[in-house]
Amino acid sequence: MKFVVFGAGGVGGFYGGMIAKAGYPTVFIARGEHLKAMKERGLRIESFKYGSWTVREDGEKVVFTDNPEVAKGADVVLVCVKSYDTEKVAPFVTEILKDSGVAISVQNGIENEEILEKYLGKERVLGATAFVGAYVKEPGVVVHEAAGLLEIGEMDGNVSERVEKLVSIFKSCGIEARVSKDIRYTLWKKLVWNVAFNPYSVVTKATVGEMLALPETYNVLKNLMLECYKVAEAYGIELKPTIMERYLKSSPDLMNYKTSMLLDFEKGKPLEIEGITGALIRKAEKVGVEVPYNRCVYATVKLLDRKRKNG
């Protein structure tokens, strides 16, 4: 089985690194200095849970490239690009995927699967959520610092043989993986965490633990999540209260965690604000649900991003 990782950043680099280490043919599609470093020195994974190792290019089983043409004939494409790039890469995914192959969206947000389905057809797209803390420390080096669960499911909610097979393969690679019996529920569950911690961390410049420690910022996080619950409910998704309760306690390995959006802000990279908070606001508008906390944080992050870009 041939895997392609489209977007070999923190998440893609970590999961792809686990797959390649297990011996599966893997093509990593990346760009810039990160790609250059991987081709010269390999992809270094530093994991709090699995130790450290380096995946090296051999031109056969492992390939690092910025040319999707090289990745043709893929059985599985893990789409790990930022949500703002989904529309851009979808046509390339269509070209490299076998007719019998499948694309798995391992991204933030709740709109990526819909975009991929436009190009590939519904039967060739699976949804997934990655509850993982992973980032590019420097070109060619990915740090896995928290969690790691990968949930995968059919968009129609069926538990299919292909999803069970893929989860079994990922488990054999050492990845913590499980079948989602309702991937739409799972995607909204992940969005609850993302709409709170990711954008608000850019506003506060704080870690997860720092935001949870102060009663005032804790209250903002809670209200951001409650609004997400209301929008989900309007779409027929009844999220369990225990999800929010668990997020607001957080796990010890996430307390010193800087969100991906804060890291991107600090590095001067584009932000996923549209794919996360923007997506929630768009969904809310369609069903007439008010989300004032999310609108406030959204507007603040947009302003901070503009000020950053203007120096």
C-alpha atoms as a PDB file:
ATOM      1  CA  MET A   1       0.000   0.000   0.000  1.00  0.00           C
ATOM      2  CA  LYS A   2       1.404   3.371  -1.057  1.00  0.00           C
ATOM      3  CA  PHE A   3       0.883   6.387   1.194  1.00  0.00           C
ATOM      4  CA  VAL A   4       1.251  10.046   0.277  1.00  0.00           C
ATOM      5  CA  VAL A   5       1.470  12.776   2.886  1.00  0.00           C
ATOM      6  CA  PHE A   6       0.360  16.042   1.304  1.00  0.00           C
ATOM      7  CA  GLY A   7       1.723  18.652   3.677  1.00  0.00           C
ATOM      8  CA  ALA A   8       4.608  17.261   5.732  1.00  0.00           C
ATOM      9  CA  GLY A   9       4.473  19.797   8.567  1.00  0.00           C
ATOM     10  CA  GLY A  10       3.970  18.903  12.210  1.00  0.00           C
ATOM     11  CA  VAL A  11       0.948  16.621  11.874  1.00  0.00           C
ATOM     12  CA  GLY A  12       1.809  15.199   8.453  1.00  0.00           C
ATOM     13  CA  GLY A  13       5.460  14.787   9.357  1.00  0.00           C
ATOM     14  CA  PHE A  14       4.647  12.910  12.555  1.00  0.00           C
ATOM     15  CA  TYR A  15       2.055  10.498  11.136  1.00  0.00           C
ATOM     16  CA  GLY A  16       4.004  10.076   7.897  1.00  0.00           C
ATOM     17  CA  GLY A  17       7.153   9.433   9.902  1.00  0.00           C
ATOM     18  CA  MET A  18       5.404   6.658  11.833  1.00  0.00           C
ATOM     19  CA  ILE A  19       4.093   5.097   8.604  1.00  0.00           C
ATOM     20  CA  ALA A  20       7.480   5.251   6.874  1.00  0.00           C
ATOM     21  CA  LYS A  21       9.265   3.850   9.936  1.00  0.00           C
ATOM     22  CA  ALA A  22       6.918   0.850   9.750  1.00  0.00           C
ATOM     23  CA  GLY A  23       8.138   0.163   6.202  1.00  0.00           C
ATOM     24  CA  TYR A  24       5.255   1.371   4.024  1.00  0.00           C
ATOM     25  CA  PRO A  25       6.154   3.231   0.794  1.00  0.00           C
ATOM     26  CA  THR A  26       5.605   6.895   1.658  1.00  0.00           C
ATOM     27  CA  VAL A  27       5.868  10.062  -0.403  1.00  0.00           C
ATOM     28  CA  PHE A  28       6.122  13.316   1.542  1.00  0.00           C
ATOM     29  CA  ILE A  29       5.017  16.417  -0.362  1.00  0.00           C
ATOM     30  CA  ALA A  30       6.536  19.518   1.195  1.00  0.00           C
ATOM     31  CA  ARG A  31       8.167  22.784   0.159  1.00  0.00           C
ATOM     32  CA  GLY A  32      10.769  25.408   0.970  1.00  0.00           C
ATOM     33  CA  GLU A  33      13.499  25.042   3.554  1.00  0.00           C
ATOM     34  CA  HIS A  34      11.684  22.168   5.254  1.00  0.00           C
ATOM     35  CA  LEU A  35      11.828  20.114   2.049  1.00  0.00           C
ATOM     36  CA  LYS A  36      15.449  21.067   1.414  1.00  0.00           C
ATOM     37  CA  ALA A  37      16.464  19.957   4.909  1.00  0.00           C
ATOM     38  CA  MET A  38      14.584  16.653   4.602  1.00  0.00           C
ATOM     39  CA  LYS A  39      16.279  15.848   1.300  1.00  0.00           C
ATOM     40  CA  GLU A  40      19.703  16.674   2.735  1.00  0.00           C
ATOM     41  CA  ARG A  41      19.450  15.211   6.249  1.00  0.00           C
ATOM     42  CA  GLY A  42      16.174  13.285   6.369  1.00  0.00           C
ATOM     43  CA  LEU A  43      13.047  13.922   8.405  1.00  0.00           C
ATOM     44  CA  ARG A  44      13.842  13.873  12.112  1.00  0.00           C
ATOM     45  CA  ILE A  45      10.966  13.021  14.492  1.00  0.00           C
ATOM     46  CA  GLU A  46      11.367  13.812  18.182  1.00  0.00           C
ATOM     47  CA  SER A  47       8.470  12.255  20.103  1.00  0.00           C
ATOM     48  CA  PHE A  48       7.702  12.469  23.818  1.00  0.00           C
ATOM     49  CA  LYS A  49       6.069   9.043  23.498  1.00  0.00           C
ATOM     50  CA  TYR A  50       7.987   7.074  20.851  1.00  0.00           C
ATOM     51  CA  GLY A  51      11.525   8.445  21.097  1.00  0.00           C
ATOM     52  CA  SER A  52      13.479   9.923  18.184  1.00  0.00           C
ATOM     53  CA  TRP A  53      14.247   8.629  14.716  1.00  0.00           C
ATOM     54  CA  THR A  54      15.132   9.861  11.235  1.00  0.00           C
ATOM     55  CA  VAL A  55      13.318   8.960   8.015  1.00  0.00           C
ATOM     56  CA  ARG A  56      15.729   9.127   5.082  1.00  0.00           C
ATOM     57  CA  GLU A  57      14.959   9.355   1.391  1.00  0.00           C
ATOM     58  CA  ASP A  58      15.935   6.348  -0.702  1.00  0.00           C
ATOM     59  CA  GLY A  59      14.080   7.205  -3.928  1.00  0.00           C
ATOM     60  CA  GLU A  60      11.903   4.096  -3.691  1.00  0.00           C
ATOM     61  CA  LYS A  61      10.160   3.515  -0.377  1.00  0.00           C
ATOM     62  CA  VAL A  62      10.667   7.050   0.899  1.00  0.00           C
ATOM     63  CA  VAL A  63      10.506  10.141  -1.309  1.00  0.00           C
ATOM     64  CA  PHE A  64      10.587  13.830  -0.360  1.00  0.00           C
ATOM     65  CA  THR A  65       9.312  16.114  -3.114  1.00  0.00           C
ATOM     66  CA  ASP A  66       7.428  19.275  -4.029  1.00  0.00           C
ATOM     67  CA  ASN A  67       6.186  17.705  -7.279  1.00  0.00           C
ATOM     68  CA  PRO A  68       2.853  15.863  -6.898  1.00  0.00           C
ATOM     69  CA  GLU A  69       3.490  14.060 -10.216  1.00  0.00           C
ATOM     70  CA  VAL A  70       6.053  11.911  -8.387  1.00  0.00           C
ATOM     71  CA  ALA A  71       3.321  10.669  -6.042  1.00  0.00           C
ATOM     72  CA  LYS A  72       0.983   9.196  -8.682  1.00  0.00           C
ATOM     73  CA  GLY A  73      -0.584   5.818  -7.956  1.00  0.00           C
ATOM     74  CA  ALA A  74      -1.326   6.511  -4.300  1.00  0.00           C
ATOM     75  CA  ASP A  75      -3.609   4.180  -2.377  1.00  0.00           C
ATOM     76  CA  VAL A  76      -4.002   6.637   0.487  1.00  0.00           C
ATOM     77  CA  VAL A  77      -3.390  10.390   0.556  1.00  0.00           C
ATOM     78  CA  LEU A  78      -3.243  12.029   3.955  1.00  0.00           C
ATOM     79  CA  VAL A  79      -4.232  15.635   3.295  1.00  0.00           C
ATOM     80  CA  CYS A  80      -2.417  17.516   6.043  1.00  0.00           C
ATOM     81  CA  VAL A  81      -2.136  21.006   4.562  1.00  0.00           C
ATOM     82  CA  LYS A  82      -3.587  24.002   6.398  1.00  0.00           C
ATOM     83  CA  SER A  83      -7.291  24.519   5.729  1.00  0.00           C
ATOM     84  CA  TYR A  84      -6.629  27.648   3.643  1.00  0.00           C
ATOM     85  CA  ASP A  85      -4.735  25.474   1.129  1.00  0.00           C
ATOM     86  CA  THR A  86      -7.332  22.692   0.729  1.00  0.00           C
ATOM     87  CA  GLU A  87      -8.917  24.150  -2.404  1.00  0.00           C
ATOM     88  CA  LYS A  88      -5.472  24.663  -3.910  1.00  0.00           C
ATOM     89  CA  VAL A  89      -4.213  21.092  -3.430  1.00  0.00           C
ATOM     90  CA  ALA A  90      -7.481  19.224  -4.123  1.00  0.00           C
ATOM     91  CA  PRO A  91      -6.917  19.037  -7.931  1.00  0.00           C
ATOM     92  CA  PHE A  92      -3.461  17.519  -7.343  1.00  0.00           C
ATOM     93  CA  VAL A  93      -4.891  14.942  -4.945  1.00  0.00           C
ATOM     94  CA  THR A  94      -7.323  13.941  -7.701  1.00  0.00           C
ATOM     95  CA  GLU A  95      -4.422  13.352 -10.092  1.00  0.00           C
ATOM     96  CA  ILE A  96      -2.218  11.273  -7.789  1.00  0.00           C
ATOM     97  CA  LEU A  97      -4.893   9.081  -6.215  1.00  0.00           C
ATOM     98  CA  LYS A  98      -5.740   5.684  -7.694  1.00  0.00           C
ATOM     99  CA  ASP A  99      -9.343   5.193  -8.789  1.00  0.00           C
ATOM    100  CA  SER A 100      -9.695   2.781  -5.882  1.00  0.00           C
ATOM    101  CA  GLY A 101      -7.756   5.032  -3.529  1.00  0.00           C
ATOM    102  CA  VAL A 102      -8.952   7.292  -0.746  1.00  0.00           C
ATOM    103  CA  ALA A 103      -8.045  10.735   0.560  1.00  0.00           C
ATOM    104  CA  ILE A 104      -8.152  11.330   4.326  1.00  0.00           C
ATOM    105  CA  SER A 105      -8.517  14.907   5.524  1.00  0.00           C
ATOM    106  CA  VAL A 106      -6.321  15.237   8.623  1.00  0.00           C
ATOM    107  CA  GLN A 107      -6.948  18.947   9.103  1.00  0.00           C
ATOM    108  CA  ASN A 108      -8.530  21.560  11.312  1.00  0.00           C
ATOM    109  CA  GLY A 109     -12.027  22.805  10.543  1.00  0.00           C
ATOM    110  CA  ILE A 110     -15.324  21.401   9.282  1.00  0.00           C
ATOM    111  CA  GLU A 111     -15.276  22.372   5.605  1.00  0.00           C
ATOM    112  CA  ASN A 112     -12.244  20.513   4.190  1.00  0.00           C
ATOM    113  CA  GLU A 113     -14.106  17.281   3.449  1.00  0.00           C
ATOM    114  CA  GLU A 114     -16.746  19.183   1.482  1.00  0.00           C
ATOM    115  CA  ILE A 115     -14.032  20.820  -0.642  1.00  0.00           C
ATOM    116  CA  LEU A 116     -12.267  17.514  -1.328  1.00  0.00           C
ATOM    117  CA  GLU A 117     -15.567  15.840  -2.230  1.00  0.00           C
ATOM    118  CA  LYS A 118     -16.147  18.464  -4.940  1.00  0.00           C
ATOM    119  CA  TYR A 119     -13.016  17.256  -6.729  1.00  0.00           C
ATOM    120  CA  LEU A 120     -12.760  13.575  -5.805  1.00  0.00           C
ATOM    121  CA  GLY A 121     -16.360  12.532  -5.280  1.00  0.00           C
ATOM    122  CA  LYS A 122     -17.881  11.555  -1.948  1.00  0.00           C
ATOM    123  CA  GLU A 123     -16.871   7.901  -2.251  1.00  0.00           C
ATOM    124  CA  ARG A 124     -13.137   8.735  -2.209  1.00  0.00           C
ATOM    125  CA  VAL A 125     -13.013  11.015   0.849  1.00  0.00           C
ATOM    126  CA  LEU A 126     -12.749  10.070   4.512  1.00  0.00           C
ATOM    127  CA  GLY A 127     -12.853  12.416   7.461  1.00  0.00           C
ATOM    128  CA  ALA A 128     -10.385  12.346  10.328  1.00  0.00           C
ATOM    129  CA  THR A 129      -9.461  14.248  13.437  1.00  0.00           C
ATOM    130  CA  ALA A 130      -5.963  14.345  14.844  1.00  0.00           C
ATOM    131  CA  PHE A 131      -5.852  15.055  18.550  1.00  0.00           C
ATOM    132  CA  VAL A 132      -2.111  15.611  18.527  1.00  0.00           C
ATOM    133  CA  GLY A 133       0.435  18.227  19.475  1.00  0.00           C
ATOM    134  CA  ALA A 134       3.114  18.291  16.771  1.00  0.00           C
ATOM    135  CA  TYR A 135       5.058  21.103  15.135  1.00  0.00           C
ATOM    136  CA  VAL A 136       8.099  21.834  12.960  1.00  0.00           C
ATOM    137  CA  LYS A 137      10.851  22.911  15.363  1.00  0.00           C
ATOM    138  CA  GLU A 138      13.225  23.755  12.530  1.00  0.00           C
ATOM    139  CA  PRO A 139      13.468  22.698   8.874  1.00  0.00           C
ATOM    140  CA  GLY A 140      13.595  18.913   8.748  1.00  0.00           C
ATOM    141  CA  VAL A 141      12.715  18.405  12.421  1.00  0.00           C
ATOM    142  CA  VAL A 142       9.216  17.621  13.738  1.00  0.00           C
ATOM    143  CA  VAL A 143       8.470  17.545  17.468  1.00  0.00           C
ATOM    144  CA  HIS A 144       5.610  15.406  18.796  1.00  0.00           C
ATOM    145  CA  GLU A 145       4.901  16.865  22.228  1.00  0.00           C
ATOM    146  CA  ALA A 146       1.357  15.847  23.164  1.00  0.00           C
ATOM    147  CA  ALA A 147      -1.418  13.286  22.603  1.00  0.00           C
ATOM    148  CA  GLY A 148      -1.601  11.506  19.215  1.00  0.00           C
ATOM    149  CA  LEU A 149      -5.055   9.983  18.678  1.00  0.00           C
ATOM    150  CA  LEU A 150      -6.185   9.734  15.056  1.00  0.00           C
ATOM    151  CA  GLU A 151      -9.910   9.057  14.506  1.00  0.00           C
ATOM    152  CA  ILE A 152     -11.078   8.125  11.001  1.00  0.00           C
ATOM    153  CA  GLY A 153     -14.550   7.610   9.608  1.00  0.00           C
ATOM    154  CA  GLU A 154     -16.815   7.506   6.574  1.00  0.00           C
ATOM    155  CA  MET A 155     -18.621  10.795   5.992  1.00  0.00           C
ATOM    156  CA  ASP A 156     -21.997   9.016   5.937  1.00  0.00           C
ATOM    157  CA  GLY A 157     -21.407   7.514   9.372  1.00  0.00           C
ATOM    158  CA  ASN A 158     -21.124   3.896   8.240  1.00  0.00           C
ATOM    159  CA  VAL A 159     -18.408   1.690   9.688  1.00  0.00           C
ATOM    160  CA  SER A 160     -16.812   0.367   6.518  1.00  0.00           C
ATOM    161  CA  GLU A 161     -14.321  -2.401   5.902  1.00  0.00           C
ATOM    162  CA  ARG A 162     -11.829   0.041   4.370  1.00  0.00           C
ATOM    163  CA  VAL A 163     -11.843   2.279   7.443  1.00  0.00           C
ATOM    164  CA  GLU A 164     -11.353  -0.699   9.746  1.00  0.00           C
ATOM    165  CA  LYS A 165      -8.472  -1.887   7.546  1.00  0.00           C
ATOM    166  CA  LEU A 166      -6.817   1.546   7.560  1.00  0.00           C
ATOM    167  CA  VAL A 167      -7.142   1.865  11.328  1.00  0.00           C
ATOM    168  CA  SER A 168      -5.592  -1.583  11.677  1.00  0.00           C
ATOM    169  CA  ILE A 169      -2.661  -0.525   9.465  1.00  0.00           C
ATOM    170  CA  PHE A 170      -2.127   2.690  11.422  1.00  0.00           C
ATOM    171  CA  LYS A 171      -2.153   0.746  14.674  1.00  0.00           C
ATOM    172  CA  SER A 172       0.454  -1.628  13.242  1.00  0.00           C
ATOM    173  CA  CYS A 173       2.598   1.474  12.623  1.00  0.00           C
ATOM    174  CA  GLY A 174       2.352   2.362  16.314  1.00  0.00           C
ATOM    175  CA  ILE A 175      -0.159   5.163  15.777  1.00  0.00           C
ATOM    176  CA  GLU A 176      -2.967   5.496  18.299  1.00  0.00           C
ATOM    177  CA  ALA A 177      -5.938   5.172  15.936  1.00  0.00           C
ATOM    178  CA  ARG A 178      -9.600   4.284  16.118  1.00  0.00           C
ATOM    179  CA  VAL A 179     -12.688   4.092  13.936  1.00  0.00           C
ATOM    180  CA  SER A 180     -15.141   6.965  14.312  1.00  0.00           C
ATOM    181  CA  LYS A 181     -18.738   5.767  14.103  1.00  0.00           C
ATOM    182  CA  ASP A 182     -19.880   9.351  13.479  1.00  0.00           C
ATOM    183  CA  ILE A 183     -17.088  11.424  11.931  1.00  0.00           C
ATOM    184  CA  ARG A 184     -19.238  14.552  11.686  1.00  0.00           C
ATOM    185  CA  TYR A 185     -19.729  14.402  15.444  1.00  0.00           C
ATOM    186  CA  THR A 186     -15.987  13.860  15.840  1.00  0.00           C
ATOM    187  CA  LEU A 187     -15.176  16.851  13.611  1.00  0.00           C
ATOM    188  CA  TRP A 188     -17.460  19.123  15.623  1.00  0.00           C
ATOM    189  CA  LYS A 189     -15.959  17.737  18.833  1.00  0.00           C
ATOM    190  CA  LYS A 190     -12.506  18.769  17.610  1.00  0.00           C
ATOM    191  CA  LEU A 191     -13.841  22.167  16.516  1.00  0.00           C
ATOM    192  CA  VAL A 192     -14.974  22.854  20.092  1.00  0.00           C
ATOM    193  CA  TRP A 193     -11.323  22.726  21.184  1.00  0.00           C
ATOM    194  CA  ASN A 194     -10.024  24.585  18.138  1.00  0.00           C
ATOM    195  CA  VAL A 195     -12.411  27.572  18.196  1.00  0.00           C
ATOM    196  CA  ALA A 196     -11.500  28.219  21.814  1.00  0.00           C
ATOM    197  CA  PHE A 197      -7.798  27.571  22.293  1.00  0.00           C
ATOM    198  CA  ASN A 198      -6.346  28.308  18.844  1.00  0.00           C
ATOM    199  CA  PRO A 199      -7.588  31.860  18.135  1.00  0.00           C
ATOM    200  CA  TYR A 200      -7.701  32.976  21.774  1.00  0.00           C
ATOM    201  CA  SER A 201      -4.067  31.954  22.221  1.00  0.00           C
ATOM    202  CA  VAL A 202      -3.149  34.478  19.514  1.00  0.00           C
ATOM    203  CA  VAL A 203      -5.031  37.175  21.436  1.00  0.00           C
ATOM    204  CA  THR A 204      -3.497  36.242  24.812  1.00  0.00           C
ATOM    205  CA  LYS A 205      -0.081  34.974  23.611  1.00  0.00           C
ATOM    206  CA  ALA A 206      -0.583  32.245  26.199  1.00  0.00           C
ATOM    207  CA  THR A 207      -0.238  28.479  26.492  1.00  0.00           C
ATOM    208  CA  VAL A 208      -3.242  26.228  27.097  1.00  0.00           C
ATOM    209  CA  GLY A 209      -2.436  26.035  30.799  1.00  0.00           C
ATOM    210  CA  GLU A 210      -2.032  29.793  31.186  1.00  0.00           C
ATOM    211  CA  MET A 211      -5.418  30.460  29.578  1.00  0.00           C
ATOM    212  CA  LEU A 212      -7.115  27.899  31.825  1.00  0.00           C
ATOM    213  CA  ALA A 213      -5.448  29.155  35.022  1.00  0.00           C
ATOM    214  CA  LEU A 214      -7.014  32.637  35.088  1.00  0.00           C
ATOM    215  CA  PRO A 215     -10.773  32.668  35.873  1.00  0.00           C
ATOM    216  CA  GLU A 216     -11.467  35.481  33.404  1.00  0.00           C
ATOM    217  CA  THR A 217      -9.767  33.805  30.436  1.00  0.00           C
ATOM    218  CA  TYR A 218     -11.210  30.436  31.483  1.00  0.00           C
ATOM    219  CA  ASN A 219     -14.660  32.016  31.210  1.00  0.00           C
ATOM    220  CA  VAL A 220     -13.920  33.307  27.695  1.00  0.00           C
ATOM    221  CA  LEU A 221     -12.804  29.835  26.591  1.00  0.00           C
ATOM    222  CA  LYS A 222     -15.967  28.323  28.046  1.00  0.00           C
ATOM    223  CA  ASN A 223     -18.215  30.770  26.198  1.00  0.00           C
ATOM    224  CA  LEU A 224     -16.388  30.212  22.909  1.00  0.00           C
ATOM    225  CA  MET A 225     -17.074  26.499  23.348  1.00  0.00           C
ATOM    226  CA  LEU A 226     -20.710  26.989  24.361  1.00  0.00           C
ATOM    227  CA  GLU A 227     -21.366  28.925  21.162  1.00  0.00           C
ATOM    228  CA  CYS A 228     -19.856  26.080  19.142  1.00  0.00           C
ATOM    229  CA  TYR A 229     -22.226  23.684  20.954  1.00  0.00           C
ATOM    230  CA  LYS A 230     -25.214  25.845  19.944  1.00  0.00           C
ATOM    231  CA  VAL A 231     -24.212  25.872  16.271  1.00  0.00           C
ATOM    232  CA  ALA A 232     -23.560  22.121  16.278  1.00  0.00           C
ATOM    233  CA  GLU A 233     -26.988  21.544  17.818  1.00  0.00           C
ATOM    234  CA  ALA A 234     -28.583  23.589  15.006  1.00  0.00           C
ATOM    235  CA  TYR A 235     -27.049  21.082  12.565  1.00  0.00           C
ATOM    236  CA  GLY A 236     -28.350  18.091  14.478  1.00  0.00           C
ATOM    237  CA  ILE A 237     -25.105  17.357  16.333  1.00  0.00           C
ATOM    238  CA  GLU A 238     -25.757  16.815  20.054  1.00  0.00           C
ATOM    239  CA  LEU A 239     -22.342  17.177  21.663  1.00  0.00           C
ATOM    240  CA  LYS A 240     -21.917  15.627  25.109  1.00  0.00           C
ATOM    241  CA  PRO A 241     -21.295  18.105  27.980  1.00  0.00           C
ATOM    242  CA  THR A 242     -18.373  15.950  29.130  1.00  0.00           C
ATOM    243  CA  ILE A 243     -16.396  16.978  26.018  1.00  0.00           C
ATOM    244  CA  MET A 244     -16.234  20.619  27.098  1.00  0.00           C
ATOM    245  CA  GLU A 245     -15.652  19.658  30.727  1.00  0.00           C
ATOM    246  CA  ARG A 246     -12.653  17.558  29.694  1.00  0.00           C
ATOM    247  CA  TYR A 247     -11.226  20.303  27.469  1.00  0.00           C
ATOM    248  CA  LEU A 248     -11.521  22.876  30.243  1.00  0.00           C
ATOM    249  CA  LYS A 249      -9.531  20.646  32.590  1.00  0.00           C
ATOM    250  CA  SER A 250      -7.009  19.637  29.930  1.00  0.00           C
ATOM    251  CA  SER A 251      -4.394  16.918  30.228  1.00  0.00           C
ATOM    252  CA  PRO A 252      -0.993  17.507  31.862  1.00  0.00           C
ATOM    253  CA  ASP A 253       0.888  17.174  28.553  1.00  0.00           C
ATOM    254  CA  LEU A 254      -1.144  20.056  27.066  1.00  0.00           C
ATOM    255  CA  MET A 255      -0.710  22.559  29.893  1.00  0.00           C
ATOM    256  CA  ASN A 256       2.528  23.999  28.449  1.00  0.00           C
ATOM    257  CA  TYR A 257       1.328  23.549  24.887  1.00  0.00           C
ATOM    258  CA  LYS A 258       1.393  26.444  22.432  1.00  0.00           C
ATOM    259  CA  THR A 259      -1.352  26.065  19.845  1.00  0.00           C
ATOM    260  CA  SER A 260      -0.538  25.715  16.167  1.00  0.00           C
ATOM    261  CA  MET A 261      -2.149  29.077  15.446  1.00  0.00           C
ATOM    262  CA  LEU A 262      -0.001  30.867  18.017  1.00  0.00           C
ATOM    263  CA  LEU A 263       3.134  29.185  16.642  1.00  0.00           C
ATOM    264  CA  ASP A 264       2.157  30.266  13.118  1.00  0.00           C
ATOM    265  CA  PHE A 265       1.556  33.816  14.352  1.00  0.00           C
ATOM    266  CA  GLU A 266       4.958  33.957  16.031  1.00  0.00           C
ATOM    267  CA  LYS A 267       6.684  32.601  12.917  1.00  0.00           C
ATOM    268  CA  GLY A 268       4.917  35.061  10.593  1.00  0.00           C
ATOM    269  CA  LYS A 269       2.981  32.315   8.803  1.00  0.00           C
ATOM    270  CA  PRO A 270      -0.625  32.530   7.534  1.00  0.00           C
ATOM    271  CA  LEU A 271      -3.265  31.734  10.149  1.00  0.00           C
ATOM    272  CA  GLU A 272      -6.069  29.161   9.968  1.00  0.00           C
ATOM    273  CA  ILE A 273      -8.573  31.613  11.427  1.00  0.00           C
ATOM    274  CA  GLU A 274     -10.913  31.303   8.409  1.00  0.00           C
ATOM    275  CA  GLY A 275     -10.922  27.507   8.486  1.00  0.00           C
ATOM    276  CA  ILE A 276     -11.656  27.395  12.224  1.00  0.00           C
ATOM    277  CA  THR A 277     -13.506  30.425  13.609  1.00  0.00           C
ATOM    278  CA  GLY A 278     -14.519  31.700  10.176  1.00  0.00           C
ATOM    279  CA  ALA A 279     -16.068  28.310   9.398  1.00  0.00           C
ATOM    280  CA  LEU A 280     -18.057  28.371  12.642  1.00  0.00           C
ATOM    281  CA  ILE A 281     -19.329  31.892  11.942  1.00  0.00           C
ATOM    282  CA  ARG A 282     -20.375  30.940   8.406  1.00  0.00           C
ATOM    283  CA  LYS A 283     -22.208  27.873   9.689  1.00  0.00           C
ATOM    284  CA  ALA A 284     -23.851  29.978  12.419  1.00  0.00           C
ATOM    285  CA  GLU A 285     -25.081  32.568   9.938  1.00  0.00           C
ATOM    286  CA  LYS A 286     -26.790  29.892   7.831  1.00  0.00           C
ATOM    287  CA  VAL A 287     -28.915  28.746  10.766  1.00  0.00           C
ATOM    288  CA  GLY A 288     -29.360  32.095  12.522  1.00  0.00           C
ATOM    289  CA  VAL A 289     -27.330  31.335  15.658  1.00  0.00           C
ATOM    290  CA  GLU A 290     -25.591  34.259  17.395  1.00  0.00           C
ATOM    291  CA  VAL A 291     -21.910  33.730  18.272  1.00  0.00           C
ATOM    292  CA  PRO A 292     -20.728  37.057  19.790  1.00  0.00           C
ATOM    293  CA  TYR A 293     -17.696  35.662  21.636  1.00  0.00           C
ATOM    294  CA  ASN A 294     -16.403  33.980  18.499  1.00  0.00           C
ATOM    295  CA  ARG A 295     -17.063  37.085  16.403  1.00  0.00           C
ATOM    296  CA  CYS A 296     -15.118  39.197  18.893  1.00  0.00           C
ATOM    297  CA  VAL A 297     -12.110  36.847  18.959  1.00  0.00           C
ATOM    298  CA  TYR A 298     -12.280  36.454  15.156  1.00  0.00           C
ATOM    299  CA  ALA A 299     -12.195  40.230  14.635  1.00  0.00           C
ATOM    300  CA  THR A 300      -9.344  40.662  17.128  1.00  0.00           C
ATOM    301  CA  VAL A 301      -7.202  37.971  15.510  1.00  0.00           C
ATOM    302  CA  LYS A 302      -7.856  39.451  12.054  1.00  0.00           C
ATOM    303  CA  LEU A 303      -6.683  42.867  13.319  1.00  0.00           C
ATOM    304  CA  LEU A 304      -3.597  41.427  15.010  1.00  0.00           C
ATOM    305  CA  ASP A 305      -2.775  39.549  11.824  1.00  0.00           C
ATOM    306  CA  ARG A 306      -3.080  42.710   9.744  1.00  0.00           C
ATOM    307  CA  LYS A 307      -0.884  44.677  12.182  1.00  0.00           C
ATOM    308  CA  ARG A 308       1.683  41.886  12.080  1.00  0.00           C
ATOM    309  CA  LYS A 309       1.741  41.882   8.269  1.00  0.00           C
ATOM    310  CA  ASN A 310       2.101  45.658   8.168  1.00  0.00           C
ATOM    311  CA  GLY A 311       4.995  45.540  10.596  1.00  0.00           C
END
